[in-house]
Amino acid sequence: MPLYMSFSEDYTKGMDLESSKQKRDEDRFRLLFFSALCLFLSMVEYAIPKPLPFLRLGLANLPILLAFSKLRLKEVTLLVMIKTLVQGLISGTLFSYVFLFSAAGSSAAAVAMGILYYCCVRNRKRPLVSLVGMSVAGALGNNGAQLLVARYLIFGTAARYIAPVLLCSGLVTGLLLGLFAQKFNSISRWYKSLEDVV
């Protein structure tokens, strides 16, 4: 084999390795950024007075909603785990039944949004569901999972009394957060500059 071809192959392999390393670093940065955003919004949400202890705005779910098109599935899963742990640490509920509510709700919200994203949005020229629809599905999934935990592990049949309030509040907050995410998606140059994960 001519010497120049050997150098050319080595150079190409080196460039591929460098490009791969750069891509991994960029993916890590995105995950860390969305995680930090979850941390910040968790603190903001914790500081907002709540009329009832179990009612939340769901602000910390906003980065997860926005992350679906920018992160791979395993990174979104890791983001949900980080968000759940961070909320438990901030609120001081990491080793209480409240953490169980949070973990069940966050997981169900991510699954609901993920199903809609991968079935109705990803790789489609005209998505079948908007960010508003994903947000509402996530909010209702969150509240549905929390009601199941309340029903079968803590309150029993009395959980049905809080169901209407919880589901209605989830519908409203999911709609508002979805509208905000939709607006952010359309006007943020930074968000648009991030490549979508194919």
C-alpha atoms as a PDB file:
ATOM      1  CA  MET A   1       0.000   0.000   0.000  1.00  0.00           C
ATOM      2  CA  PRO A   2       1.416   3.438  -0.886  1.00  0.00           C
ATOM      3  CA  LEU A   3       2.586   5.463   2.083  1.00  0.00           C
ATOM      4  CA  TYR A   4       0.336   8.428   1.304  1.00  0.00           C
ATOM      5  CA  MET A   5      -2.741   6.132   1.438  1.00  0.00           C
ATOM      6  CA  SER A   6      -1.716   4.872   4.874  1.00  0.00           C
ATOM      7  CA  PHE A   7      -1.353   8.450   6.136  1.00  0.00           C
ATOM      8  CA  SER A   8      -4.696   9.353   4.572  1.00  0.00           C
ATOM      9  CA  GLU A   9      -6.490   6.463   6.316  1.00  0.00           C
ATOM     10  CA  ASP A  10      -4.866   7.297   9.666  1.00  0.00           C
ATOM     11  CA  TYR A  11      -5.862  10.944   9.261  1.00  0.00           C
ATOM     12  CA  THR A  12      -9.456   9.983   8.403  1.00  0.00           C
ATOM     13  CA  LYS A  13      -9.681   7.656  11.428  1.00  0.00           C
ATOM     14  CA  GLY A  14      -8.270  10.392  13.635  1.00  0.00           C
ATOM     15  CA  MET A  15     -10.828  12.877  12.344  1.00  0.00           C
ATOM     16  CA  ASP A  16     -13.650  10.373  12.935  1.00  0.00           C
ATOM     17  CA  LEU A  17     -12.483   9.789  16.523  1.00  0.00           C
ATOM     18  CA  GLU A  18     -12.212  13.535  17.128  1.00  0.00           C
ATOM     19  CA  SER A  19     -15.689  14.110  15.679  1.00  0.00           C
ATOM     20  CA  SER A  20     -17.115  11.286  17.804  1.00  0.00           C
ATOM     21  CA  LYS A  21     -15.503  12.703  20.964  1.00  0.00           C
ATOM     22  CA  GLN A  22     -16.819  16.174  20.162  1.00  0.00           C
ATOM     23  CA  LYS A  23     -20.326  14.756  19.663  1.00  0.00           C
ATOM     24  CA  ARG A  24     -20.193  12.940  23.028  1.00  0.00           C
ATOM     25  CA  ASP A  25     -19.020  16.123  24.760  1.00  0.00           C
ATOM     26  CA  GLU A  26     -21.861  18.076  23.152  1.00  0.00           C
ATOM     27  CA  ASP A  27     -24.397  15.439  24.263  1.00  0.00           C
ATOM     28  CA  ARG A  28     -23.066  15.599  27.831  1.00  0.00           C
ATOM     29  CA  PHE A  29     -23.282  19.379  27.825  1.00  0.00           C
ATOM     30  CA  ARG A  30     -26.907  19.255  26.664  1.00  0.00           C
ATOM     31  CA  LEU A  31     -27.805  16.739  29.368  1.00  0.00           C
ATOM     32  CA  LEU A  32     -26.069  18.844  32.032  1.00  0.00           C
ATOM     33  CA  PHE A  33     -27.785  22.001  30.795  1.00  0.00           C
ATOM     34  CA  PHE A  34     -31.267  20.468  30.856  1.00  0.00           C
ATOM     35  CA  SER A  35     -30.489  18.961  34.293  1.00  0.00           C
ATOM     36  CA  ALA A  36     -29.436  22.371  35.618  1.00  0.00           C
ATOM     37  CA  LEU A  37     -32.635  23.849  34.200  1.00  0.00           C
ATOM     38  CA  CYS A  38     -34.648  21.183  36.050  1.00  0.00           C
ATOM     39  CA  LEU A  39     -32.770  22.073  39.251  1.00  0.00           C
ATOM     40  CA  PHE A  40     -33.456  25.788  38.827  1.00  0.00           C
ATOM     41  CA  LEU A  41     -37.150  25.327  38.028  1.00  0.00           C
ATOM     42  CA  SER A  42     -37.529  22.880  40.931  1.00  0.00           C
ATOM     43  CA  MET A  43     -36.235  25.574  43.281  1.00  0.00           C
ATOM     44  CA  VAL A  44     -38.563  28.165  41.761  1.00  0.00           C
ATOM     45  CA  GLU A  45     -41.518  25.792  42.055  1.00  0.00           C
ATOM     46  CA  TYR A  46     -40.667  24.934  45.662  1.00  0.00           C
ATOM     47  CA  ALA A  47     -40.660  28.653  46.537  1.00  0.00           C
ATOM     48  CA  ILE A  48     -44.131  29.262  45.075  1.00  0.00           C
ATOM     49  CA  PRO A  49     -46.888  28.968  47.723  1.00  0.00           C
ATOM     50  CA  LYS A  50     -49.306  26.099  47.040  1.00  0.00           C
ATOM     51  CA  PRO A  51     -52.964  26.055  48.109  1.00  0.00           C
ATOM     52  CA  LEU A  52     -52.684  22.300  48.714  1.00  0.00           C
ATOM     53  CA  PRO A  53     -49.461  20.320  49.374  1.00  0.00           C
ATOM     54  CA  PHE A  54     -49.930  17.983  46.405  1.00  0.00           C
ATOM     55  CA  LEU A  55     -50.702  20.704  43.855  1.00  0.00           C
ATOM     56  CA  ARG A  56     -47.704  21.705  41.744  1.00  0.00           C
ATOM     57  CA  LEU A  57     -47.271  23.732  38.589  1.00  0.00           C
ATOM     58  CA  GLY A  58     -44.957  21.132  37.066  1.00  0.00           C
ATOM     59  CA  LEU A  59     -42.335  23.715  36.056  1.00  0.00           C
ATOM     60  CA  ALA A  60     -39.531  21.166  36.397  1.00  0.00           C
ATOM     61  CA  ASN A  61     -41.159  19.036  33.678  1.00  0.00           C
ATOM     62  CA  LEU A  62     -40.641  21.824  31.130  1.00  0.00           C
ATOM     63  CA  PRO A  63     -36.981  20.926  30.377  1.00  0.00           C
ATOM     64  CA  ILE A  64     -38.007  17.288  29.877  1.00  0.00           C
ATOM     65  CA  LEU A  65     -40.683  18.330  27.396  1.00  0.00           C
ATOM     66  CA  LEU A  66     -38.143  20.424  25.470  1.00  0.00           C
ATOM     67  CA  ALA A  67     -35.446  17.742  25.679  1.00  0.00           C
ATOM     68  CA  PHE A  68     -37.221  15.021  23.704  1.00  0.00           C
ATOM     69  CA  SER A  69     -36.139  16.358  20.321  1.00  0.00           C
ATOM     70  CA  LYS A  70     -32.646  17.334  21.510  1.00  0.00           C
ATOM     71  CA  LEU A  71     -31.570  14.281  23.545  1.00  0.00           C
ATOM     72  CA  ARG A  72     -31.550  10.548  22.947  1.00  0.00           C
ATOM     73  CA  LEU A  73     -34.026   8.362  24.798  1.00  0.00           C
ATOM     74  CA  LYS A  74     -31.468   7.093  27.327  1.00  0.00           C
ATOM     75  CA  GLU A  75     -30.435  10.686  28.087  1.00  0.00           C
ATOM     76  CA  VAL A  76     -34.060  11.760  28.566  1.00  0.00           C
ATOM     77  CA  THR A  77     -34.483   8.810  30.953  1.00  0.00           C
ATOM     78  CA  LEU A  78     -31.403   9.926  32.881  1.00  0.00           C
ATOM     79  CA  LEU A  79     -32.747  13.491  32.930  1.00  0.00           C
ATOM     80  CA  VAL A  80     -36.016  12.283  34.500  1.00  0.00           C
ATOM     81  CA  MET A  81     -34.064  10.393  37.185  1.00  0.00           C
ATOM     82  CA  ILE A  82     -31.901  13.436  37.938  1.00  0.00           C
ATOM     83  CA  LYS A  83     -34.952  15.701  38.096  1.00  0.00           C
ATOM     84  CA  THR A  84     -36.748  13.355  40.506  1.00  0.00           C
ATOM     85  CA  LEU A  85     -33.729  13.052  42.820  1.00  0.00           C
ATOM     86  CA  VAL A  86     -33.076  16.806  42.721  1.00  0.00           C
ATOM     87  CA  GLN A  87     -36.688  17.601  43.623  1.00  0.00           C
ATOM     88  CA  GLY A  88     -36.481  15.156  46.524  1.00  0.00           C
ATOM     89  CA  LEU A  89     -33.278  16.775  47.786  1.00  0.00           C
ATOM     90  CA  ILE A  90     -34.541  20.349  47.427  1.00  0.00           C
ATOM     91  CA  SER A  91     -37.860  19.685  49.141  1.00  0.00           C
ATOM     92  CA  GLY A  92     -36.331  17.396  51.787  1.00  0.00           C
ATOM     93  CA  THR A  93     -38.682  14.546  50.879  1.00  0.00           C
ATOM     94  CA  LEU A  94     -36.132  12.094  49.450  1.00  0.00           C
ATOM     95  CA  PHE A  95     -36.853   9.405  52.060  1.00  0.00           C
ATOM     96  CA  SER A  96     -40.587   9.965  52.468  1.00  0.00           C
ATOM     97  CA  TYR A  97     -43.775   8.826  50.765  1.00  0.00           C
ATOM     98  CA  VAL A  98     -43.870  12.200  48.963  1.00  0.00           C
ATOM     99  CA  PHE A  99     -40.811  11.092  46.979  1.00  0.00           C
ATOM    100  CA  LEU A 100     -42.770   8.036  45.862  1.00  0.00           C
ATOM    101  CA  PHE A 101     -45.486  10.334  44.502  1.00  0.00           C
ATOM    102  CA  SER A 102     -42.878  12.427  42.713  1.00  0.00           C
ATOM    103  CA  ALA A 103     -41.053   9.443  41.209  1.00  0.00           C
ATOM    104  CA  ALA A 104     -44.276   7.795  39.999  1.00  0.00           C
ATOM    105  CA  GLY A 105     -45.613  11.051  38.588  1.00  0.00           C
ATOM    106  CA  SER A 106     -42.387  12.066  36.824  1.00  0.00           C
ATOM    107  CA  SER A 107     -41.936   8.611  35.313  1.00  0.00           C
ATOM    108  CA  ALA A 108     -45.533   8.449  34.072  1.00  0.00           C
ATOM    109  CA  ALA A 109     -45.308  11.977  32.639  1.00  0.00           C
ATOM    110  CA  ALA A 110     -42.119  11.112  30.756  1.00  0.00           C
ATOM    111  CA  VAL A 111     -43.630   7.885  29.410  1.00  0.00           C
ATOM    112  CA  ALA A 112     -46.793   9.682  28.234  1.00  0.00           C
ATOM    113  CA  MET A 113     -44.830  12.467  26.544  1.00  0.00           C
ATOM    114  CA  GLY A 114     -42.348   9.981  25.099  1.00  0.00           C
ATOM    115  CA  ILE A 115     -45.034   7.798  23.542  1.00  0.00           C
ATOM    116  CA  LEU A 116     -46.601  10.817  21.853  1.00  0.00           C
ATOM    117  CA  TYR A 117     -43.240  12.158  20.724  1.00  0.00           C
ATOM    118  CA  TYR A 118     -41.941   8.921  19.208  1.00  0.00           C
ATOM    119  CA  CYS A 119     -45.284   7.935  17.655  1.00  0.00           C
ATOM    120  CA  CYS A 120     -46.667  11.280  16.515  1.00  0.00           C
ATOM    121  CA  VAL A 121     -43.859  13.850  16.274  1.00  0.00           C
ATOM    122  CA  ARG A 122     -40.416  12.401  15.573  1.00  0.00           C
ATOM    123  CA  ASN A 123     -39.313  12.197  11.928  1.00  0.00           C
ATOM    124  CA  ARG A 124     -42.579  13.678  10.650  1.00  0.00           C
ATOM    125  CA  LYS A 125     -42.744  16.728   8.415  1.00  0.00           C
ATOM    126  CA  ARG A 126     -46.083  17.621   9.972  1.00  0.00           C
ATOM    127  CA  PRO A 127     -46.272  16.406  13.586  1.00  0.00           C
ATOM    128  CA  LEU A 128     -49.604  14.946  14.651  1.00  0.00           C
ATOM    129  CA  VAL A 129     -49.263  16.357  18.180  1.00  0.00           C
ATOM    130  CA  SER A 130     -47.925  19.717  19.340  1.00  0.00           C
ATOM    131  CA  LEU A 131     -45.872  20.479  22.436  1.00  0.00           C
ATOM    132  CA  VAL A 132     -49.155  21.548  24.041  1.00  0.00           C
ATOM    133  CA  GLY A 133     -50.621  18.081  23.508  1.00  0.00           C
ATOM    134  CA  MET A 134     -47.466  16.419  24.839  1.00  0.00           C
ATOM    135  CA  SER A 135     -47.506  18.681  27.889  1.00  0.00           C
ATOM    136  CA  VAL A 136     -51.155  17.968  28.693  1.00  0.00           C
ATOM    137  CA  ALA A 137     -50.554  14.221  28.264  1.00  0.00           C
ATOM    138  CA  GLY A 138     -47.551  14.454  30.585  1.00  0.00           C
ATOM    139  CA  ALA A 139     -49.494  16.393  33.211  1.00  0.00           C
ATOM    140  CA  LEU A 140     -52.427  13.973  33.155  1.00  0.00           C
ATOM    141  CA  GLY A 141     -50.039  11.003  33.218  1.00  0.00           C
ATOM    142  CA  ASN A 142     -48.286  12.532  36.214  1.00  0.00           C
ATOM    143  CA  ASN A 143     -51.519  13.093  38.109  1.00  0.00           C
ATOM    144  CA  GLY A 144     -52.940   9.707  37.123  1.00  0.00           C
ATOM    145  CA  ALA A 145     -49.870   7.922  38.488  1.00  0.00           C
ATOM    146  CA  GLN A 146     -50.023   9.937  41.712  1.00  0.00           C
ATOM    147  CA  LEU A 147     -53.682   9.033  42.140  1.00  0.00           C
ATOM    148  CA  LEU A 148     -52.850   5.344  41.717  1.00  0.00           C
ATOM    149  CA  VAL A 149     -50.126   5.602  44.353  1.00  0.00           C
ATOM    150  CA  ALA A 150     -52.546   7.438  46.657  1.00  0.00           C
ATOM    151  CA  ARG A 151     -55.277   4.874  46.038  1.00  0.00           C
ATOM    152  CA  TYR A 152     -53.293   1.672  46.507  1.00  0.00           C
ATOM    153  CA  LEU A 153     -50.519   2.636  48.914  1.00  0.00           C
ATOM    154  CA  ILE A 154     -51.729   5.436  51.182  1.00  0.00           C
ATOM    155  CA  PHE A 155     -55.272   6.776  51.191  1.00  0.00           C
ATOM    156  CA  GLY A 156     -57.310   3.898  49.808  1.00  0.00           C
ATOM    157  CA  THR A 157     -60.688   4.724  48.308  1.00  0.00           C
ATOM    158  CA  ALA A 158     -60.567   8.247  49.818  1.00  0.00           C
ATOM    159  CA  ALA A 159     -58.194   9.180  46.990  1.00  0.00           C
ATOM    160  CA  ARG A 160     -61.214   9.648  44.725  1.00  0.00           C
ATOM    161  CA  TYR A 161     -62.060  12.876  46.564  1.00  0.00           C
ATOM    162  CA  ILE A 162     -58.870  14.590  45.418  1.00  0.00           C
ATOM    163  CA  ALA A 163     -59.025  13.165  41.868  1.00  0.00           C
ATOM    164  CA  PRO A 164     -61.160  15.954  40.304  1.00  0.00           C
ATOM    165  CA  VAL A 165     -58.999  18.730  41.786  1.00  0.00           C
ATOM    166  CA  LEU A 166     -55.759  17.002  40.819  1.00  0.00           C
ATOM    167  CA  LEU A 167     -56.822  16.174  37.263  1.00  0.00           C
ATOM    168  CA  CYS A 168     -58.307  19.633  36.608  1.00  0.00           C
ATOM    169  CA  SER A 169     -55.204  21.370  37.922  1.00  0.00           C
ATOM    170  CA  GLY A 170     -53.046  19.044  35.795  1.00  0.00           C
ATOM    171  CA  LEU A 171     -55.056  19.895  32.704  1.00  0.00           C
ATOM    172  CA  VAL A 172     -54.690  23.639  33.309  1.00  0.00           C
ATOM    173  CA  THR A 173     -50.980  23.594  34.197  1.00  0.00           C
ATOM    174  CA  GLY A 174     -50.209  21.177  31.354  1.00  0.00           C
ATOM    175  CA  LEU A 175     -51.956  23.485  28.907  1.00  0.00           C
ATOM    176  CA  LEU A 176     -50.145  26.591  30.190  1.00  0.00           C
ATOM    177  CA  LEU A 177     -46.714  24.942  30.209  1.00  0.00           C
ATOM    178  CA  GLY A 178     -47.353  23.517  26.750  1.00  0.00           C
ATOM    179  CA  LEU A 179     -48.242  26.956  25.385  1.00  0.00           C
ATOM    180  CA  PHE A 180     -45.095  28.387  26.942  1.00  0.00           C
ATOM    181  CA  ALA A 181     -42.965  25.559  25.466  1.00  0.00           C
ATOM    182  CA  GLN A 182     -44.557  26.104  22.045  1.00  0.00           C
ATOM    183  CA  LYS A 183     -43.775  29.828  22.189  1.00  0.00           C
ATOM    184  CA  PHE A 184     -40.234  29.180  23.418  1.00  0.00           C
ATOM    185  CA  ASN A 185     -39.703  26.673  20.616  1.00  0.00           C
ATOM    186  CA  SER A 186     -40.770  29.216  18.004  1.00  0.00           C
ATOM    187  CA  ILE A 187     -38.773  32.242  19.229  1.00  0.00           C
ATOM    188  CA  SER A 188     -35.620  30.854  20.879  1.00  0.00           C
ATOM    189  CA  ARG A 189     -32.636  31.079  18.545  1.00  0.00           C
ATOM    190  CA  TRP A 190     -30.529  29.074  20.974  1.00  0.00           C
ATOM    191  CA  TYR A 191     -33.027  26.200  21.080  1.00  0.00           C
ATOM    192  CA  LYS A 192     -33.329  26.160  17.297  1.00  0.00           C
ATOM    193  CA  SER A 193     -29.527  26.114  16.989  1.00  0.00           C
ATOM    194  CA  LEU A 194     -29.402  22.747  18.767  1.00  0.00           C
ATOM    195  CA  GLU A 195     -29.579  19.895  16.294  1.00  0.00           C
ATOM    196  CA  ASP A 196     -32.525  17.554  16.622  1.00  0.00           C
ATOM    197  CA  VAL A 197     -31.607  13.979  17.480  1.00  0.00           C
ATOM    198  CA  VAL A 198     -32.436  11.756  14.524  1.00  0.00           C
END
